[in-house]
Protein backbone atom coordinates (compact mmCIF):
# COMPACT_ATOMS: atom_id res chain seq x y z
CA UNK A 1 0.00 0.00 0.00
CA UNK A 2 1.25 3.48 -0.79
CA UNK A 3 2.19 5.88 1.96
CA UNK A 4 -0.43 8.42 2.96
CA UNK A 5 0.07 11.65 1.04
CA UNK A 6 2.01 10.07 -1.83
CA UNK A 7 1.09 11.51 -5.21
CA UNK A 8 -0.43 9.27 -7.85
CA UNK A 9 2.68 9.76 -9.96
CA UNK A 10 4.90 8.56 -7.10
CA UNK A 11 2.71 5.53 -6.48
CA UNK A 12 2.83 4.52 -10.15
CA UNK A 13 6.58 5.09 -10.31
CA UNK A 14 7.40 3.05 -7.19
CA UNK A 15 4.78 0.28 -7.18
CA UNK A 16 3.90 -2.25 -9.87
CA UNK A 17 0.39 -0.95 -10.54
CA UNK A 18 -1.23 -2.74 -13.47
CA UNK A 19 -4.78 -1.31 -13.38
CA UNK A 20 -5.95 2.13 -12.35
CA UNK A 21 -9.43 3.65 -12.13
CA UNK A 22 -9.53 7.46 -12.13
CA UNK A 23 -11.76 10.41 -12.92
CA UNK A 24 -10.88 13.11 -15.46
CA UNK A 25 -9.27 15.44 -12.90
CA UNK A 26 -6.96 12.71 -11.62
CA UNK A 27 -5.78 11.83 -15.14
CA UNK A 28 -5.28 15.51 -15.93
CA UNK A 29 -3.11 15.95 -12.82
CA UNK A 30 -1.13 12.82 -13.60
CA UNK A 31 -0.36 14.09 -17.10
CA UNK A 32 0.81 17.42 -15.65
CA UNK A 33 3.46 15.71 -13.48
CA UNK A 34 5.98 15.03 -16.24
CA UNK A 35 6.02 14.34 -19.96
CA UNK A 36 8.96 11.95 -19.66
CA UNK A 37 7.83 9.57 -16.91
CA UNK A 38 6.56 6.18 -18.03
CA UNK A 39 4.80 3.47 -16.06
CA UNK A 40 5.85 0.12 -17.58
CA UNK A 41 3.62 -2.07 -15.40
CA UNK A 42 0.47 -0.04 -16.14
CA UNK A 43 -1.80 -2.00 -18.49
CA UNK A 44 -5.16 -0.21 -18.14
CA UNK A 45 -6.40 3.17 -16.99
CA UNK A 46 -10.16 3.10 -16.60
CA UNK A 47 -11.52 6.63 -16.91
CA UNK A 48 -15.03 7.67 -15.93
CA UNK A 49 -17.17 9.91 -13.79
CA UNK A 50 -17.76 12.65 -16.35
CA UNK A 51 -17.42 13.43 -20.05
CA UNK A 52 -13.80 13.12 -21.20
CA UNK A 53 -12.27 16.02 -23.16
CA UNK A 54 -10.76 14.89 -26.46
CA UNK A 55 -7.53 16.84 -25.78
CA UNK A 56 -7.04 14.87 -22.55
CA UNK A 57 -7.36 11.56 -24.41
CA UNK A 58 -4.98 12.79 -27.10
CA UNK A 59 -2.42 13.82 -24.47
CA UNK A 60 -2.71 10.43 -22.72
CA UNK A 61 -2.41 8.64 -26.06
CA UNK A 62 0.69 10.66 -26.96
CA UNK A 63 2.23 9.52 -23.65
CA UNK A 64 1.39 5.91 -24.48
CA UNK A 65 -1.04 5.55 -21.60
CA UNK A 66 -3.68 2.83 -22.08
CA UNK A 67 -6.87 4.81 -21.31
CA UNK A 68 -10.31 3.23 -21.61
CA UNK A 69 -13.53 5.17 -21.00
CA UNK A 70 -15.92 3.52 -18.55
CA UNK A 71 -19.41 4.52 -17.58
CA UNK A 72 -21.30 3.15 -14.61
CA UNK A 73 -24.84 3.50 -13.34
CA UNK A 74 -24.17 7.05 -12.09
CA UNK A 75 -23.37 8.15 -15.65
CA UNK A 76 -26.34 6.40 -17.25
PDB file of N, CA and C in Angstrom:
ATOM      1  N   UNK A   1       0.837  -1.178   0.000  1.00  0.00           N
ATOM      2  CA  UNK A   1       0.000   0.000   0.000  1.00  0.00           C
ATOM      3  C   UNK A   1       0.883   1.243   0.000  1.00  0.00           C
ATOM      4  N   UNK A   2       0.471   2.235  -0.753  1.00  0.00           N
ATOM      5  CA  UNK A   2       1.247   3.479  -0.790  1.00  0.00           C
ATOM      6  C   UNK A   2       1.190   4.212   0.554  1.00  0.00           C
ATOM      7  N   UNK A   3       2.185   5.041   0.770  1.00  0.00           N
ATOM      8  CA  UNK A   3       2.194   5.881   1.964  1.00  0.00           C
ATOM      9  C   UNK A   3       1.138   6.968   1.835  1.00  0.00           C
ATOM     10  N   UNK A   4       0.569   7.341   2.952  1.00  0.00           N
ATOM     11  CA  UNK A   4      -0.426   8.424   2.963  1.00  0.00           C
ATOM     12  C   UNK A   4       0.231   9.705   2.448  1.00  0.00           C
ATOM     13  N   UNK A   5      -0.447  10.400   1.565  1.00  0.00           N
ATOM     14  CA  UNK A   5       0.068  11.652   1.042  1.00  0.00           C
ATOM     15  C   UNK A   5       0.925  11.511  -0.207  1.00  0.00           C
ATOM     16  N   UNK A   6       1.222  10.272  -0.607  1.00  0.00           N
ATOM     17  CA  UNK A   6       2.012  10.072  -1.829  1.00  0.00           C
ATOM     18  C   UNK A   6       1.187  10.483  -3.043  1.00  0.00           C
ATOM     19  N   UNK A   7       1.810  11.135  -4.002  1.00  0.00           N
ATOM     20  CA  UNK A   7       1.094  11.515  -5.215  1.00  0.00           C
ATOM     21  C   UNK A   7       0.845  10.278  -6.074  1.00  0.00           C
ATOM     22  N   UNK A   8      -0.125  10.377  -6.948  1.00  0.00           N
ATOM     23  CA  UNK A   8      -0.430   9.266  -7.853  1.00  0.00           C
ATOM     24  C   UNK A   8       0.786   8.939  -8.717  1.00  0.00           C
ATOM     25  N   UNK A   9       1.473   9.960  -9.169  1.00  0.00           N
ATOM     26  CA  UNK A   9       2.679   9.764  -9.965  1.00  0.00           C
ATOM     27  C   UNK A   9       3.718   8.955  -9.192  1.00  0.00           C
ATOM     28  N   UNK A  10       3.924   9.282  -7.929  1.00  0.00           N
ATOM     29  CA  UNK A  10       4.899   8.564  -7.100  1.00  0.00           C
ATOM     30  C   UNK A  10       4.482   7.116  -6.877  1.00  0.00           C
ATOM     31  N   UNK A  11       3.206   6.899  -6.671  1.00  0.00           N
ATOM     32  CA  UNK A  11       2.709   5.528  -6.478  1.00  0.00           C
ATOM     33  C   UNK A  11       2.967   4.699  -7.735  1.00  0.00           C
ATOM     34  N   UNK A  12       2.642   5.254  -8.890  1.00  0.00           N
ATOM     35  CA  UNK A  12       2.835   4.521 -10.148  1.00  0.00           C
ATOM     36  C   UNK A  12       4.310   4.283 -10.444  1.00  0.00           C
ATOM     37  N   UNK A  13       5.154   5.213 -10.048  1.00  0.00           N
ATOM     38  CA  UNK A  13       6.584   5.086 -10.309  1.00  0.00           C
ATOM     39  C   UNK A  13       7.260   4.074  -9.384  1.00  0.00           C
ATOM     40  N   UNK A  14       6.727   3.881  -8.177  1.00  0.00           N
ATOM     41  CA  UNK A  14       7.400   3.047  -7.188  1.00  0.00           C
ATOM     42  C   UNK A  14       6.699   1.724  -6.876  1.00  0.00           C
ATOM     43  N   UNK A  15       5.519   1.515  -7.411  1.00  0.00           N
ATOM     44  CA  UNK A  15       4.777   0.281  -7.183  1.00  0.00           C
ATOM     45  C   UNK A  15       4.392  -0.309  -8.536  1.00  0.00           C
ATOM     46  N   UNK A  16       4.266  -1.591  -8.599  1.00  0.00           N
ATOM     47  CA  UNK A  16       3.902  -2.246  -9.865  1.00  0.00           C
ATOM     48  C   UNK A  16       2.388  -2.265 -10.044  1.00  0.00           C
ATOM     49  N   UNK A  17       1.825  -1.101 -10.328  1.00  0.00           N
ATOM     50  CA  UNK A  17       0.387  -0.952 -10.537  1.00  0.00           C
ATOM     51  C   UNK A  17       0.071  -1.369 -11.970  1.00  0.00           C
ATOM     52  N   UNK A  18      -0.879  -2.291 -12.126  1.00  0.00           N
ATOM     53  CA  UNK A  18      -1.229  -2.741 -13.470  1.00  0.00           C
ATOM     54  C   UNK A  18      -2.554  -2.151 -13.948  1.00  0.00           C
ATOM     55  N   UNK A  19      -3.464  -1.844 -13.024  1.00  0.00           N
ATOM     56  CA  UNK A  19      -4.776  -1.311 -13.382  1.00  0.00           C
ATOM     57  C   UNK A  19      -5.078  -0.116 -12.480  1.00  0.00           C
ATOM     58  N   UNK A  20      -5.683   0.902 -13.082  1.00  0.00           N
ATOM     59  CA  UNK A  20      -5.953   2.132 -12.352  1.00  0.00           C
ATOM     60  C   UNK A  20      -7.310   2.666 -12.792  1.00  0.00           C
ATOM     61  N   UNK A  21      -8.133   3.048 -11.833  1.00  0.00           N
ATOM     62  CA  UNK A  21      -9.430   3.651 -12.133  1.00  0.00           C
ATOM     63  C   UNK A  21      -9.411   5.074 -11.601  1.00  0.00           C
ATOM     64  N   UNK A  22      -9.598   6.042 -12.504  1.00  0.00           N
ATOM     65  CA  UNK A  22      -9.532   7.459 -12.128  1.00  0.00           C
ATOM     66  C   UNK A  22     -10.659   8.245 -12.770  1.00  0.00           C
ATOM     67  N   UNK A  23     -10.842   9.459 -12.283  1.00  0.00           N
ATOM     68  CA  UNK A  23     -11.757  10.405 -12.920  1.00  0.00           C
ATOM     69  C   UNK A  23     -10.902  11.382 -13.739  1.00  0.00           C
ATOM     70  N   UNK A  24     -11.555  12.197 -14.534  1.00  0.00           N
ATOM     71  CA  UNK A  24     -10.880  13.106 -15.460  1.00  0.00           C
ATOM     72  C   UNK A  24      -9.851  13.987 -14.757  1.00  0.00           C
ATOM     73  N   UNK A  25     -10.192  14.556 -13.615  1.00  0.00           N
ATOM     74  CA  UNK A  25      -9.267  15.444 -12.899  1.00  0.00           C
ATOM     75  C   UNK A  25      -7.999  14.709 -12.490  1.00  0.00           C
ATOM     76  N   UNK A  26      -8.134  13.474 -12.030  1.00  0.00           N
ATOM     77  CA  UNK A  26      -6.959  12.708 -11.620  1.00  0.00           C
ATOM     78  C   UNK A  26      -6.044  12.433 -12.808  1.00  0.00           C
ATOM     79  N   UNK A  27      -6.612  12.072 -13.953  1.00  0.00           N
ATOM     80  CA  UNK A  27      -5.779  11.831 -15.138  1.00  0.00           C
ATOM     81  C   UNK A  27      -5.108  13.122 -15.584  1.00  0.00           C
ATOM     82  N   UNK A  28      -5.841  14.207 -15.560  1.00  0.00           N
ATOM     83  CA  UNK A  28      -5.277  15.510 -15.933  1.00  0.00           C
ATOM     84  C   UNK A  28      -4.079  15.843 -15.045  1.00  0.00           C
ATOM     85  N   UNK A  29      -4.214  15.664 -13.743  1.00  0.00           N
ATOM     86  CA  UNK A  29      -3.113  15.953 -12.819  1.00  0.00           C
ATOM     87  C   UNK A  29      -1.927  15.023 -13.047  1.00  0.00           C
ATOM     88  N   UNK A  30      -2.202  13.769 -13.329  1.00  0.00           N
ATOM     89  CA  UNK A  30      -1.132  12.816 -13.601  1.00  0.00           C
ATOM     90  C   UNK A  30      -0.344  13.236 -14.834  1.00  0.00           C
ATOM     91  N   UNK A  31      -1.030  13.672 -15.868  1.00  0.00           N
ATOM     92  CA  UNK A  31      -0.365  14.093 -17.101  1.00  0.00           C
ATOM     93  C   UNK A  31       0.431  15.378 -16.915  1.00  0.00           C
ATOM     94  N   UNK A  32       0.074  16.186 -15.929  1.00  0.00           N
ATOM     95  CA  UNK A  32       0.806  17.423 -15.651  1.00  0.00           C
ATOM     96  C   UNK A  32       2.116  17.163 -14.913  1.00  0.00           C
ATOM     97  N   UNK A  33       2.260  15.995 -14.281  1.00  0.00           N
ATOM     98  CA  UNK A  33       3.457  15.708 -13.477  1.00  0.00           C
ATOM     99  C   UNK A  33       4.732  15.788 -14.300  1.00  0.00           C
ATOM    100  N   UNK A  34       4.771  15.057 -15.414  1.00  0.00           N
ATOM    101  CA  UNK A  34       5.978  15.026 -16.236  1.00  0.00           C
ATOM    102  C   UNK A  34       5.651  14.393 -17.577  1.00  0.00           C
ATOM    103  N   UNK A  35       6.241  14.919 -18.632  1.00  0.00           N
ATOM    104  CA  UNK A  35       6.022  14.343 -19.962  1.00  0.00           C
ATOM    105  C   UNK A  35       6.989  13.213 -20.258  1.00  0.00           C
ATOM    106  N   UNK A  36       7.953  12.971 -19.376  1.00  0.00           N
ATOM    107  CA  UNK A  36       8.956  11.952 -19.664  1.00  0.00           C
ATOM    108  C   UNK A  36       8.803  10.688 -18.825  1.00  0.00           C
ATOM    109  N   UNK A  37       7.998  10.736 -17.783  1.00  0.00           N
ATOM    110  CA  UNK A  37       7.832   9.574 -16.906  1.00  0.00           C
ATOM    111  C   UNK A  37       6.966   8.531 -17.596  1.00  0.00           C
ATOM    112  N   UNK A  38       7.389   7.264 -17.505  1.00  0.00           N
ATOM    113  CA  UNK A  38       6.563   6.180 -18.029  1.00  0.00           C
ATOM    114  C   UNK A  38       6.263   5.208 -16.891  1.00  0.00           C
ATOM    115  N   UNK A  39       5.237   4.425 -17.063  1.00  0.00           N
ATOM    116  CA  UNK A  39       4.801   3.470 -16.058  1.00  0.00           C
ATOM    117  C   UNK A  39       4.705   2.098 -16.730  1.00  0.00           C
ATOM    118  N   UNK A  40       5.802   1.358 -16.790  1.00  0.00           N
ATOM    119  CA  UNK A  40       5.853   0.123 -17.580  1.00  0.00           C
ATOM    120  C   UNK A  40       4.889  -0.978 -17.129  1.00  0.00           C
ATOM    121  N   UNK A  41       4.525  -1.008 -15.862  1.00  0.00           N
ATOM    122  CA  UNK A  41       3.624  -2.070 -15.402  1.00  0.00           C
ATOM    123  C   UNK A  41       2.154  -1.725 -15.621  1.00  0.00           C
ATOM    124  N   UNK A  42       1.847  -0.495 -15.984  1.00  0.00           N
ATOM    125  CA  UNK A  42       0.468  -0.042 -16.141  1.00  0.00           C
ATOM    126  C   UNK A  42      -0.135  -0.562 -17.441  1.00  0.00           C
ATOM    127  N   UNK A  43      -1.169  -1.394 -17.320  1.00  0.00           N
ATOM    128  CA  UNK A  43      -1.798  -1.996 -18.492  1.00  0.00           C
ATOM    129  C   UNK A  43      -3.116  -1.333 -18.876  1.00  0.00           C
ATOM    130  N   UNK A  44      -3.861  -0.829 -17.886  1.00  0.00           N
ATOM    131  CA  UNK A  44      -5.160  -0.212 -18.138  1.00  0.00           C
ATOM    132  C   UNK A  44      -5.387   0.963 -17.207  1.00  0.00           C
ATOM    133  N   UNK A  45      -5.879   2.057 -17.781  1.00  0.00           N
ATOM    134  CA  UNK A  45      -6.401   3.167 -16.990  1.00  0.00           C
ATOM    135  C   UNK A  45      -7.874   3.263 -17.352  1.00  0.00           C
ATOM    136  N   UNK A  46      -8.725   3.002 -16.386  1.00  0.00           N
ATOM    137  CA  UNK A  46     -10.165   3.102 -16.598  1.00  0.00           C
ATOM    138  C   UNK A  46     -10.572   4.509 -16.192  1.00  0.00           C
ATOM    139  N   UNK A  47     -11.199   5.219 -17.109  1.00  0.00           N
ATOM    140  CA  UNK A  47     -11.520   6.634 -16.909  1.00  0.00           C
ATOM    141  C   UNK A  47     -13.025   6.829 -16.966  1.00  0.00           C
ATOM    142  N   UNK A  48     -13.592   7.450 -15.948  1.00  0.00           N
ATOM    143  CA  UNK A  48     -15.031   7.671 -15.933  1.00  0.00           C
ATOM    144  C   UNK A  48     -15.402   8.805 -15.010  1.00  0.00           C
ATOM    145  N   UNK A  49     -16.679   8.910 -14.729  1.00  0.00           N
ATOM    146  CA  UNK A  49     -17.172   9.909 -13.788  1.00  0.00           C
ATOM    147  C   UNK A  49     -17.715  11.165 -14.429  1.00  0.00           C
ATOM    148  N   UNK A  50     -17.296  11.454 -15.650  1.00  0.00           N
ATOM    149  CA  UNK A  50     -17.764  12.650 -16.350  1.00  0.00           C
ATOM    150  C   UNK A  50     -17.341  12.541 -17.811  1.00  0.00           C
ATOM    151  N   UNK A  51     -17.877  13.426 -18.660  1.00  0.00           N
ATOM    152  CA  UNK A  51     -17.417  13.427 -20.050  1.00  0.00           C
ATOM    153  C   UNK A  51     -15.910  13.671 -20.116  1.00  0.00           C
ATOM    154  N   UNK A  52     -15.260  13.035 -21.075  1.00  0.00           N
ATOM    155  CA  UNK A  52     -13.802  13.121 -21.202  1.00  0.00           C
ATOM    156  C   UNK A  52     -13.437  14.054 -22.352  1.00  0.00           C
ATOM    157  N   UNK A  53     -12.693  15.123 -22.076  1.00  0.00           N
ATOM    158  CA  UNK A  53     -12.272  16.024 -23.156  1.00  0.00           C
ATOM    159  C   UNK A  53     -11.343  15.304 -24.143  1.00  0.00           C
ATOM    160  N   UNK A  54     -11.558  15.530 -25.421  1.00  0.00           N
ATOM    161  CA  UNK A  54     -10.755  14.895 -26.456  1.00  0.00           C
ATOM    162  C   UNK A  54      -9.272  15.213 -26.295  1.00  0.00           C
ATOM    163  N   UNK A  55      -8.945  16.459 -25.947  1.00  0.00           N
ATOM    164  CA  UNK A  55      -7.531  16.841 -25.775  1.00  0.00           C
ATOM    165  C   UNK A  55      -6.853  16.023 -24.667  1.00  0.00           C
ATOM    166  N   UNK A  56      -7.595  15.686 -23.625  1.00  0.00           N
ATOM    167  CA  UNK A  56      -7.042  14.870 -22.546  1.00  0.00           C
ATOM    168  C   UNK A  56      -6.720  13.471 -23.057  1.00  0.00           C
ATOM    169  N   UNK A  57      -7.622  12.887 -23.832  1.00  0.00           N
ATOM    170  CA  UNK A  57      -7.362  11.563 -24.410  1.00  0.00           C
ATOM    171  C   UNK A  57      -6.183  11.605 -25.378  1.00  0.00           C
ATOM    172  N   UNK A  58      -6.099  12.657 -26.163  1.00  0.00           N
ATOM    173  CA  UNK A  58      -4.981  12.795 -27.101  1.00  0.00           C
ATOM    174  C   UNK A  58      -3.647  12.906 -26.355  1.00  0.00           C
ATOM    175  N   UNK A  59      -3.636  13.658 -25.272  1.00  0.00           N
ATOM    176  CA  UNK A  59      -2.416  13.816 -24.468  1.00  0.00           C
ATOM    177  C   UNK A  59      -2.014  12.474 -23.850  1.00  0.00           C
ATOM    178  N   UNK A  60      -2.981  11.751 -23.305  1.00  0.00           N
ATOM    179  CA  UNK A  60      -2.710  10.432 -22.722  1.00  0.00           C
ATOM    180  C   UNK A  60      -2.210   9.469 -23.791  1.00  0.00           C
ATOM    181  N   UNK A  61      -2.818   9.505 -24.951  1.00  0.00           N
ATOM    182  CA  UNK A  61      -2.412   8.638 -26.056  1.00  0.00           C
ATOM    183  C   UNK A  61      -0.984   8.955 -26.505  1.00  0.00           C
ATOM    184  N   UNK A  62      -0.657  10.245 -26.569  1.00  0.00           N
ATOM    185  CA  UNK A  62       0.694  10.656 -26.962  1.00  0.00           C
ATOM    186  C   UNK A  62       1.737  10.170 -25.955  1.00  0.00           C
ATOM    187  N   UNK A  63       1.342  10.034 -24.704  1.00  0.00           N
ATOM    188  CA  UNK A  63       2.229   9.525 -23.650  1.00  0.00           C
ATOM    189  C   UNK A  63       2.268   8.001 -23.621  1.00  0.00           C
ATOM    190  N   UNK A  64       1.426   7.359 -24.448  1.00  0.00           N
ATOM    191  CA  UNK A  64       1.395   5.905 -24.479  1.00  0.00           C
ATOM    192  C   UNK A  64       0.617   5.284 -23.338  1.00  0.00           C
ATOM    193  N   UNK A  65      -0.248   6.073 -22.704  1.00  0.00           N
ATOM    194  CA  UNK A  65      -1.038   5.553 -21.596  1.00  0.00           C
ATOM    195  C   UNK A  65      -2.282   4.836 -22.115  1.00  0.00           C
ATOM    196  N   UNK A  66      -2.565   3.647 -21.597  1.00  0.00           N
ATOM    197  CA  UNK A  66      -3.682   2.828 -22.076  1.00  0.00           C
ATOM    198  C   UNK A  66      -5.010   3.223 -21.421  1.00  0.00           C
ATOM    199  N   UNK A  67      -5.654   4.273 -21.914  1.00  0.00           N
ATOM    200  CA  UNK A  67      -6.873   4.807 -21.310  1.00  0.00           C
ATOM    201  C   UNK A  67      -8.112   4.215 -21.984  1.00  0.00           C
ATOM    202  N   UNK A  68      -9.042   3.773 -21.136  1.00  0.00           N
ATOM    203  CA  UNK A  68     -10.306   3.227 -21.614  1.00  0.00           C
ATOM    204  C   UNK A  68     -11.434   3.933 -20.875  1.00  0.00           C
ATOM    205  N   UNK A  69     -12.387   4.496 -21.614  1.00  0.00           N
ATOM    206  CA  UNK A  69     -13.526   5.170 -21.000  1.00  0.00           C
ATOM    207  C   UNK A  69     -14.474   4.133 -20.420  1.00  0.00           C
ATOM    208  N   UNK A  70     -15.006   4.432 -19.243  1.00  0.00           N
ATOM    209  CA  UNK A  70     -15.921   3.522 -18.554  1.00  0.00           C
ATOM    210  C   UNK A  70     -17.063   4.338 -17.986  1.00  0.00           C
ATOM    211  N   UNK A  71     -18.256   3.840 -18.137  1.00  0.00           N
ATOM    212  CA  UNK A  71     -19.412   4.524 -17.584  1.00  0.00           C
ATOM    213  C   UNK A  71     -20.199   3.541 -16.731  1.00  0.00           C
ATOM    214  N   UNK A  72     -20.539   3.976 -15.522  1.00  0.00           N
ATOM    215  CA  UNK A  72     -21.302   3.148 -14.609  1.00  0.00           C
ATOM    216  C   UNK A  72     -22.706   3.670 -14.467  1.00  0.00           C
ATOM    217  N   UNK A  73     -23.431   3.134 -13.497  1.00  0.00           N
ATOM    218  CA  UNK A  73     -24.836   3.503 -13.336  1.00  0.00           C
ATOM    219  C   UNK A  73     -25.003   4.982 -13.005  1.00  0.00           C
ATOM    220  N   UNK A  74     -24.014   5.623 -12.394  1.00  0.00           N
ATOM    221  CA  UNK A  74     -24.172   7.052 -12.088  1.00  0.00           C
ATOM    222  C   UNK A  74     -24.099   7.906 -13.341  1.00  0.00           C
ATOM    223  N   UNK A  75     -23.465   7.404 -14.405  1.00  0.00           N
ATOM    224  CA  UNK A  75     -23.371   8.155 -15.648  1.00  0.00           C
ATOM    225  C   UNK A  75     -24.507   7.820 -16.615  1.00  0.00           C
ATOM    226  N   UNK A  76     -25.278   6.834 -16.322  1.00  0.00           N
ATOM    227  CA  UNK A  76     -26.337   6.397 -17.246  1.00  0.00           C
ATOM    228  C   UNK A  76     -27.478   7.371 -17.281  1.00  0.00           C
TER     229      UNK A  76
END
